Amino acid sequence: MELLAEENITLGKSVFDSPNNINLILHSNKASQVDGTSWNGCTVASIEYLCSDGTTNHNYGKAVNNGDGTHTQTCSICSSTKVERCHGGEATCQKIAVCAVCGKEYGELSDHIIDPATGYCKFGCGKWMATFTIEQSGTITYHMNMSIFQNKDLEDGAIVKLLADEYFFGWGISGNYTLDMNGYNLTKDRYSLFAGTEPETEQKLHLKNDGGNRSTIPFIRVNNCTLNIEEKVDVAAMILFYTSCTVDLSKADFTTCELNLNLDGCNTSQFVLGNYAIYDTNGNIVTGELIKGLTYTIK
């Protein structure tokens, strides 16, 4: 971006939504409006002035660090300066970055970042980061922050395995896969597990628990999904969306589960109940159609 007018210039705020990508070239009479890498109160990546020949053909010397995360270079032709924010290099969780231009440290330490191949921080500090793994195509990768694991495609047959308690799982993920609770829990009260997507995309989710402890799921929302629940997975409540839902409880062993429906036309035939039955609020076993808005109990 070049600003060459000798009069005052006013730009909309939207121009500065990505300041790290803006390098301002100003007419020399704008120097009074500049403070470091801020022009008229808007911070950018760098600010320089036209050379005395009216071009940008400066001959800049060595960058001098300013001690505030910027450095300055001076033109040997016109003595005008170029001030820019330090950049380049990589910050780690143990050491801040070194500027690629002036060679001085700048910025802050990085957060720990997971190495998907090992589950530890990629910077070698030894911190364990992973809270779940994904096994697919014969490869296991390590991941963290299940709460942001949204709209990520999993291959058919993928296995997601918990390595710690997690907030929630599965928002808009389509495909056929397994969630191994591995003795851990989901902790979000409402929609702690979101199984399935919109009606046009089919999903099959297999819930199992290969860990030593029982696992709990406070609330499952089932969208256009075939859901299989196996042993040692306690589900407190479940809500069904769309008539294409199917729930297989033939291998489940939880005690009770509250059932709600946000759809019309759902039938008990959509459940493979095994040793379970669906009860209404009066304690009567329900067969046939289930009514939207009513609360049932599976036990």
Foldseek 3Di string as FASTA:
>chain_A
DEDEDPDDDDDDPVVQPPQAPDEYEYAPNQVVQDDQQAGVNRHHFKYWYAAPVRHNPFDWDAWADPPAQKTWTAGPRRRTIMIGGFDDADAAQVGAGAGPRNRHGDDDHDDFDADQQPQGGPVPPGHRAFFKWKADPNDITGDHQQVPVEPDEDEAAIEIEGPEEHQAHYHAYAHEYEYAPQQYEHDHQEQRYEADHAQVTEYEYEYHYPHPAAYEYNEHEHHNYEYEYAESYAYAEYEYDDQNYAYECQHYDYDKYKYAYPDFDHFPVSYNQNPKFKAFPVRDTDGTTDDHPGIIMID
